[in-house]
All heavy atoms as atom14 arrays in JSON, in Angstrom:
{
  "sequence": "GFWHWVVYNIPASTTSLPAGAGDPKSGALPAGA",
  "atom14_mask": [
    [1, 1, 1, 1, 0, 0, 0, 0, 0, 0, 0, 0, 0, 0],
    [1, 1, 1, 1, 1, 1, 1, 1, 1, 1, 1, 0, 0, 0],
    [1, 1, 1, 1, 1, 1, 1, 1, 1, 1, 1, 1, 1, 1],
    [1, 1, 1, 1, 1, 1, 1, 1, 1, 1, 0, 0, 0, 0],
    [1, 1, 1, 1, 1, 1, 1, 1, 1, 1, 1, 1, 1, 1],
    [1, 1, 1, 1, 1, 1, 1, 0, 0, 0, 0, 0, 0, 0],
    [1, 1, 1, 1, 1, 1, 1, 0, 0, 0, 0, 0, 0, 0],
    [1, 1, 1, 1, 1, 1, 1, 1, 1, 1, 1, 1, 0, 0],
    [1, 1, 1, 1, 1, 1, 1, 1, 0, 0, 0, 0, 0, 0],
    [1, 1, 1, 1, 1, 1, 1, 1, 0, 0, 0, 0, 0, 0],
    [1, 1, 1, 1, 1, 1, 1, 0, 0, 0, 0, 0, 0, 0],
    [1, 1, 1, 1, 1, 0, 0, 0, 0, 0, 0, 0, 0, 0],
    [1, 1, 1, 1, 1, 1, 0, 0, 0, 0, 0, 0, 0, 0],
    [1, 1, 1, 1, 1, 1, 1, 0, 0, 0, 0, 0, 0, 0],
    [1, 1, 1, 1, 1, 1, 1, 0, 0, 0, 0, 0, 0, 0],
    [1, 1, 1, 1, 1, 1, 0, 0, 0, 0, 0, 0, 0, 0],
    [1, 1, 1, 1, 1, 1, 1, 1, 0, 0, 0, 0, 0, 0],
    [1, 1, 1, 1, 1, 1, 1, 0, 0, 0, 0, 0, 0, 0],
    [1, 1, 1, 1, 1, 0, 0, 0, 0, 0, 0, 0, 0, 0],
    [1, 1, 1, 1, 0, 0, 0, 0, 0, 0, 0, 0, 0, 0],
    [1, 1, 1, 1, 1, 0, 0, 0, 0, 0, 0, 0, 0, 0],
    [1, 1, 1, 1, 0, 0, 0, 0, 0, 0, 0, 0, 0, 0],
    [1, 1, 1, 1, 1, 1, 1, 1, 0, 0, 0, 0, 0, 0],
    [1, 1, 1, 1, 1, 1, 1, 0, 0, 0, 0, 0, 0, 0],
    [1, 1, 1, 1, 1, 1, 1, 1, 1, 0, 0, 0, 0, 0],
    [1, 1, 1, 1, 1, 1, 0, 0, 0, 0, 0, 0, 0, 0],
    [1, 1, 1, 1, 0, 0, 0, 0, 0, 0, 0, 0, 0, 0],
    [1, 1, 1, 1, 1, 0, 0, 0, 0, 0, 0, 0, 0, 0],
    [1, 1, 1, 1, 1, 1, 1, 1, 0, 0, 0, 0, 0, 0],
    [1, 1, 1, 1, 1, 1, 1, 0, 0, 0, 0, 0, 0, 0],
    [1, 1, 1, 1, 1, 0, 0, 0, 0, 0, 0, 0, 0, 0],
    [1, 1, 1, 1, 0, 0, 0, 0, 0, 0, 0, 0, 0, 0],
    [1, 1, 1, 1, 1, 0, 0, 0, 0, 0, 0, 0, 0, 0]
  ],
  "atom14_positions": [
    [[64.3, -283.55, -34.16], [63.0, -282.99, -34.68], [62.78, -283.33, -36.14], [63.44, -284.14, -36.67], [0.0, 0.0, 0.0], [0.0, 0.0, 0.0], [0.0, 0.0, 0.0], [0.0, 0.0, 0.0], [0.0, 0.0, 0.0], [0.0, 0.0, 0.0], [0.0, 0.0, 0.0], [0.0, 0.0, 0.0], [0.0, 0.0, 0.0], [0.0, 0.0, 0.0]],
    [[61.79, -282.62, -36.7], [61.53, -282.87, -38.14], [60.89, -281.57, -38.74], [60.04, -280.87, -38.23], [60.37, -283.91, -38.22], [60.2, -284.44, -39.6], [60.85, -285.61, -39.99], [59.34, -283.84, -40.5], [60.67, -286.06, -41.33], [59.09, -284.31, -41.72], [59.78, -285.5, -42.15], [0.0, 0.0, 0.0], [0.0, 0.0, 0.0], [0.0, 0.0, 0.0]],
    [[61.55, -281.19, -39.88], [61.12, -280.04, -40.62], [59.99, -280.43, -41.65], [60.23, -281.25, -42.54], [62.35, -279.46, -41.38], [63.28, -278.8, -40.45], [64.42, -279.36, -39.93], [63.15, -277.53, -39.85], [65.02, -278.53, -39.12], [64.2, -277.36, -38.98], [62.2, -276.52, -39.94], [64.43, -276.14, -38.24], [62.39, -275.38, -39.18], [63.5, -275.26, -38.33]],
    [[58.79, -279.79, -41.55], [57.72, -280.08, -42.36], [57.52, -279.12, -43.5], [56.83, -279.45, -44.42], [56.45, -280.04, -41.5], [56.26, -281.27, -40.67], [55.39, -282.32, -40.92], [56.89, -281.62, -39.47], [55.46, -283.25, -40.05], [56.31, -282.87, -39.14], [0.0, 0.0, 0.0], [0.0, 0.0, 0.0], [0.0, 0.0, 0.0], [0.0, 0.0, 0.0]],
    [[58.15, -277.97, -43.38], [57.95, -276.88, -44.49], [59.02, -275.85, -44.39], [59.38, -275.43, -43.3], [56.62, -276.3, -44.34], [56.06, -275.62, -45.58], [56.51, -275.81, -46.88], [55.02, -274.67, -45.59], [55.67, -275.05, -47.69], [54.74, -274.34, -46.94], [54.27, -274.06, -44.63], [53.82, -273.39, -47.35], [53.28, -273.09, -45.0], [53.07, -272.83, -46.31]],
    [[59.57, -275.43, -45.51], [60.56, -274.44, -45.57], [60.27, -273.6, -46.87], [60.36, -274.08, -47.94], [62.01, -274.98, -45.7], [63.0, -273.81, -45.78], [62.29, -275.88, -44.47], [0.0, 0.0, 0.0], [0.0, 0.0, 0.0], [0.0, 0.0, 0.0], [0.0, 0.0, 0.0], [0.0, 0.0, 0.0], [0.0, 0.0, 0.0], [0.0, 0.0, 0.0]],
    [[59.88, -272.29, -46.65], [59.59, -271.41, -47.88], [60.44, -270.17, -47.66], [60.35, -269.58, -46.62], [58.14, -271.03, -47.97], [57.85, -270.3, -49.3], [57.22, -272.27, -47.91], [0.0, 0.0, 0.0], [0.0, 0.0, 0.0], [0.0, 0.0, 0.0], [0.0, 0.0, 0.0], [0.0, 0.0, 0.0], [0.0, 0.0, 0.0], [0.0, 0.0, 0.0]],
    [[61.29, -269.83, -48.61], [62.15, -268.63, -48.49], [62.03, -267.77, -49.7], [61.31, -268.11, -50.69], [63.54, -269.06, -48.22], [64.17, -270.05, -49.23], [64.95, -269.47, -50.27], [64.01, -271.38, -49.14], [65.58, -270.39, -51.2], [64.55, -272.24, -50.12], [65.36, -271.78, -51.1], [65.96, -272.56, -52.01], [0.0, 0.0, 0.0], [0.0, 0.0, 0.0]],
    [[62.59, -266.57, -49.62], [62.5, -265.57, -50.7], [61.02, -265.11, -50.96], [60.66, -264.88, -52.11], [63.21, -266.02, -51.98], [64.68, -266.26, -51.78], [65.3, -265.72, -50.84], [65.28, -267.01, -52.61], [0.0, 0.0, 0.0], [0.0, 0.0, 0.0], [0.0, 0.0, 0.0], [0.0, 0.0, 0.0], [0.0, 0.0, 0.0], [0.0, 0.0, 0.0]],
    [[60.23, -265.03, -49.89], [58.96, -264.49, -50.02], [58.99, -263.04, -49.97], [59.59, -262.4, -49.13], [58.02, -264.97, -48.8], [57.96, -266.51, -48.73], [56.6, -264.37, -48.91], [57.38, -267.07, -47.45], [0.0, 0.0, 0.0], [0.0, 0.0, 0.0], [0.0, 0.0, 0.0], [0.0, 0.0, 0.0], [0.0, 0.0, 0.0], [0.0, 0.0, 0.0]],
    [[58.47, -262.34, -51.02], [58.67, -260.85, -51.15], [58.11, -260.15, -49.9], [57.08, -260.6, -49.31], [57.85, -260.54, -52.44], [57.74, -261.79, -53.15], [57.69, -262.93, -52.16], [0.0, 0.0, 0.0], [0.0, 0.0, 0.0], [0.0, 0.0, 0.0], [0.0, 0.0, 0.0], [0.0, 0.0, 0.0], [0.0, 0.0, 0.0], [0.0, 0.0, 0.0]],
    [[58.73, -259.07, -49.58], [58.29, -258.23, -48.37], [56.89, -257.66, -48.57], [56.21, -257.44, -47.5], [59.24, -257.11, -48.22], [0.0, 0.0, 0.0], [0.0, 0.0, 0.0], [0.0, 0.0, 0.0], [0.0, 0.0, 0.0], [0.0, 0.0, 0.0], [0.0, 0.0, 0.0], [0.0, 0.0, 0.0], [0.0, 0.0, 0.0], [0.0, 0.0, 0.0]],
    [[56.31, -257.6, -49.67], [54.92, -257.14, -49.89], [53.94, -258.17, -49.55], [52.72, -257.89, -49.5], [54.77, -256.75, -51.32], [55.01, -257.77, -52.23], [0.0, 0.0, 0.0], [0.0, 0.0, 0.0], [0.0, 0.0, 0.0], [0.0, 0.0, 0.0], [0.0, 0.0, 0.0], [0.0, 0.0, 0.0], [0.0, 0.0, 0.0], [0.0, 0.0, 0.0]],
    [[54.33, -259.42, -49.33], [53.48, -260.5, -48.95], [53.02, -260.46, -47.48], [53.97, -260.27, -46.61], [54.12, -261.85, -49.32], [54.47, -261.82, -50.66], [53.1, -262.99, -49.03], [0.0, 0.0, 0.0], [0.0, 0.0, 0.0], [0.0, 0.0, 0.0], [0.0, 0.0, 0.0], [0.0, 0.0, 0.0], [0.0, 0.0, 0.0], [0.0, 0.0, 0.0]],
    [[51.8, -260.63, -47.22], [51.35, -260.66, -45.85], [50.51, -261.92, -45.49], [49.94, -262.02, -44.39], [50.53, -259.44, -45.48], [49.46, -259.35, -46.29], [51.46, -258.13, -45.48], [0.0, 0.0, 0.0], [0.0, 0.0, 0.0], [0.0, 0.0, 0.0], [0.0, 0.0, 0.0], [0.0, 0.0, 0.0], [0.0, 0.0, 0.0], [0.0, 0.0, 0.0]],
    [[50.45, -262.78, -46.5], [49.73, -264.06, -46.23], [49.97, -265.11, -47.19], [50.58, -264.79, -48.34], [48.18, -263.82, -46.24], [47.7, -263.43, -47.52], [0.0, 0.0, 0.0], [0.0, 0.0, 0.0], [0.0, 0.0, 0.0], [0.0, 0.0, 0.0], [0.0, 0.0, 0.0], [0.0, 0.0, 0.0], [0.0, 0.0, 0.0], [0.0, 0.0, 0.0]],
    [[49.75, -266.34, -46.9], [49.92, -267.44, -47.86], [48.47, -268.2, -47.66], [48.01, -268.48, -46.64], [51.01, -268.43, -47.39], [52.4, -267.86, -47.49], [53.4, -268.89, -46.99], [52.75, -267.42, -48.9], [0.0, 0.0, 0.0], [0.0, 0.0, 0.0], [0.0, 0.0, 0.0], [0.0, 0.0, 0.0], [0.0, 0.0, 0.0], [0.0, 0.0, 0.0]],
    [[47.91, -268.55, -48.86], [46.62, -269.21, -48.78], [46.78, -270.67, -48.43], [47.83, -271.24, -48.55], [46.05, -269.08, -50.29], [47.31, -268.98, -51.05], [48.37, -268.29, -50.19], [0.0, 0.0, 0.0], [0.0, 0.0, 0.0], [0.0, 0.0, 0.0], [0.0, 0.0, 0.0], [0.0, 0.0, 0.0], [0.0, 0.0, 0.0], [0.0, 0.0, 0.0]],
    [[45.66, -271.29, -47.98], [45.76, -272.76, -47.75], [46.1, -273.46, -49.02], [45.76, -273.11, -50.04], [44.34, -273.22, -47.23], [0.0, 0.0, 0.0], [0.0, 0.0, 0.0], [0.0, 0.0, 0.0], [0.0, 0.0, 0.0], [0.0, 0.0, 0.0], [0.0, 0.0, 0.0], [0.0, 0.0, 0.0], [0.0, 0.0, 0.0], [0.0, 0.0, 0.0]],
    [[46.95, -274.48, -48.84], [47.47, -275.27, -50.0], [48.63, -274.68, -50.73], [49.11, -275.32, -51.61], [0.0, 0.0, 0.0], [0.0, 0.0, 0.0], [0.0, 0.0, 0.0], [0.0, 0.0, 0.0], [0.0, 0.0, 0.0], [0.0, 0.0, 0.0], [0.0, 0.0, 0.0], [0.0, 0.0, 0.0], [0.0, 0.0, 0.0], [0.0, 0.0, 0.0]],
    [[49.08, -273.52, -50.28], [50.33, -272.95, -50.96], [51.48, -273.88, -50.89], [52.44, -273.75, -51.71], [50.64, -271.59, -50.3], [0.0, 0.0, 0.0], [0.0, 0.0, 0.0], [0.0, 0.0, 0.0], [0.0, 0.0, 0.0], [0.0, 0.0, 0.0], [0.0, 0.0, 0.0], [0.0, 0.0, 0.0], [0.0, 0.0, 0.0], [0.0, 0.0, 0.0]],
    [[51.6, -274.79, -49.94], [52.72, -275.68, -49.82], [52.75, -276.75, -50.81], [53.72, -277.55, -50.92], [0.0, 0.0, 0.0], [0.0, 0.0, 0.0], [0.0, 0.0, 0.0], [0.0, 0.0, 0.0], [0.0, 0.0, 0.0], [0.0, 0.0, 0.0], [0.0, 0.0, 0.0], [0.0, 0.0, 0.0], [0.0, 0.0, 0.0], [0.0, 0.0, 0.0]],
    [[51.74, -276.94, -51.66], [51.83, -277.95, -52.74], [52.63, -277.32, -53.88], [52.2, -276.34, -54.43], [50.39, -278.21, -53.23], [50.33, -279.15, -54.35], [51.36, -279.59, -54.94], [49.21, -279.66, -54.65], [0.0, 0.0, 0.0], [0.0, 0.0, 0.0], [0.0, 0.0, 0.0], [0.0, 0.0, 0.0], [0.0, 0.0, 0.0], [0.0, 0.0, 0.0]],
    [[53.74, -277.92, -54.19], [54.61, -277.42, -55.27], [53.94, -277.23, -56.64], [54.35, -276.43, -57.4], [55.77, -278.43, -55.28], [55.82, -279.12, -54.03], [54.36, -279.13, -53.56], [0.0, 0.0, 0.0], [0.0, 0.0, 0.0], [0.0, 0.0, 0.0], [0.0, 0.0, 0.0], [0.0, 0.0, 0.0], [0.0, 0.0, 0.0], [0.0, 0.0, 0.0]],
    [[52.85, -277.97, -56.82], [52.15, -277.87, -58.11], [50.98, -276.84, -58.09], [50.41, -276.56, -59.11], [51.55, -279.23, -58.41], [52.58, -280.31, -58.6], [52.03, -281.71, -58.88], [53.09, -282.72, -58.89], [52.48, -284.04, -58.83], [0.0, 0.0, 0.0], [0.0, 0.0, 0.0], [0.0, 0.0, 0.0], [0.0, 0.0, 0.0], [0.0, 0.0, 0.0]],
    [[50.75, -276.25, -56.91], [49.64, -275.36, -56.81], [49.78, -274.02, -57.48], [48.89, -273.31, -57.9], [49.26, -275.11, -55.34], [50.19, -274.21, -54.74], [0.0, 0.0, 0.0], [0.0, 0.0, 0.0], [0.0, 0.0, 0.0], [0.0, 0.0, 0.0], [0.0, 0.0, 0.0], [0.0, 0.0, 0.0], [0.0, 0.0, 0.0], [0.0, 0.0, 0.0]],
    [[51.06, -273.47, -57.53], [51.31, -272.17, -58.01], [50.71, -271.1, -57.16], [50.67, -269.93, -57.57], [0.0, 0.0, 0.0], [0.0, 0.0, 0.0], [0.0, 0.0, 0.0], [0.0, 0.0, 0.0], [0.0, 0.0, 0.0], [0.0, 0.0, 0.0], [0.0, 0.0, 0.0], [0.0, 0.0, 0.0], [0.0, 0.0, 0.0], [0.0, 0.0, 0.0]],
    [[50.48, -271.38, -55.88], [49.88, -270.4, -54.98], [50.85, -269.58, -54.18], [50.48, -268.67, -53.49], [49.0, -271.17, -53.92], [0.0, 0.0, 0.0], [0.0, 0.0, 0.0], [0.0, 0.0, 0.0], [0.0, 0.0, 0.0], [0.0, 0.0, 0.0], [0.0, 0.0, 0.0], [0.0, 0.0, 0.0], [0.0, 0.0, 0.0], [0.0, 0.0, 0.0]],
    [[52.17, -269.9, -54.34], [53.18, -269.07, -53.57], [53.42, -267.79, -54.43], [53.29, -267.86, -55.65], [54.5, -269.79, -53.43], [54.51, -271.0, -52.4], [55.85, -271.68, -52.56], [54.21, -270.44, -51.05], [0.0, 0.0, 0.0], [0.0, 0.0, 0.0], [0.0, 0.0, 0.0], [0.0, 0.0, 0.0], [0.0, 0.0, 0.0], [0.0, 0.0, 0.0]],
    [[53.78, -266.71, -53.79], [54.09, -265.46, -54.54], [55.28, -265.74, -55.46], [56.18, -266.51, -55.22], [54.4, -264.47, -53.45], [54.42, -265.17, -52.18], [53.92, -266.56, -52.38], [0.0, 0.0, 0.0], [0.0, 0.0, 0.0], [0.0, 0.0, 0.0], [0.0, 0.0, 0.0], [0.0, 0.0, 0.0], [0.0, 0.0, 0.0], [0.0, 0.0, 0.0]],
    [[55.35, -264.92, -56.47], [56.41, -264.97, -57.44], [57.79, -264.8, -56.78], [57.84, -263.88, -55.91], [56.28, -263.93, -58.58], [0.0, 0.0, 0.0], [0.0, 0.0, 0.0], [0.0, 0.0, 0.0], [0.0, 0.0, 0.0], [0.0, 0.0, 0.0], [0.0, 0.0, 0.0], [0.0, 0.0, 0.0], [0.0, 0.0, 0.0], [0.0, 0.0, 0.0]],
    [[58.74, -265.64, -56.98], [60.06, -265.54, -56.43], [60.25, -266.44, -55.19], [61.33, -266.75, -54.82], [0.0, 0.0, 0.0], [0.0, 0.0, 0.0], [0.0, 0.0, 0.0], [0.0, 0.0, 0.0], [0.0, 0.0, 0.0], [0.0, 0.0, 0.0], [0.0, 0.0, 0.0], [0.0, 0.0, 0.0], [0.0, 0.0, 0.0], [0.0, 0.0, 0.0]],
    [[59.17, -266.82, -54.49], [59.25, -267.71, -53.33], [59.6, -269.04, -53.8], [59.28, -269.59, -54.77], [57.9, -267.76, -52.62], [0.0, 0.0, 0.0], [0.0, 0.0, 0.0], [0.0, 0.0, 0.0], [0.0, 0.0, 0.0], [0.0, 0.0, 0.0], [0.0, 0.0, 0.0], [0.0, 0.0, 0.0], [0.0, 0.0, 0.0], [0.0, 0.0, 0.0]]
  ]
}
């Protein structure tokens, strides 16, 4: 198989990720992720 995305340490208060959050330069992931 193939892993396309892995995001960890997402805070428990988070209930969504916006489109484009997977771009490392976007800054769209929650703090700590």
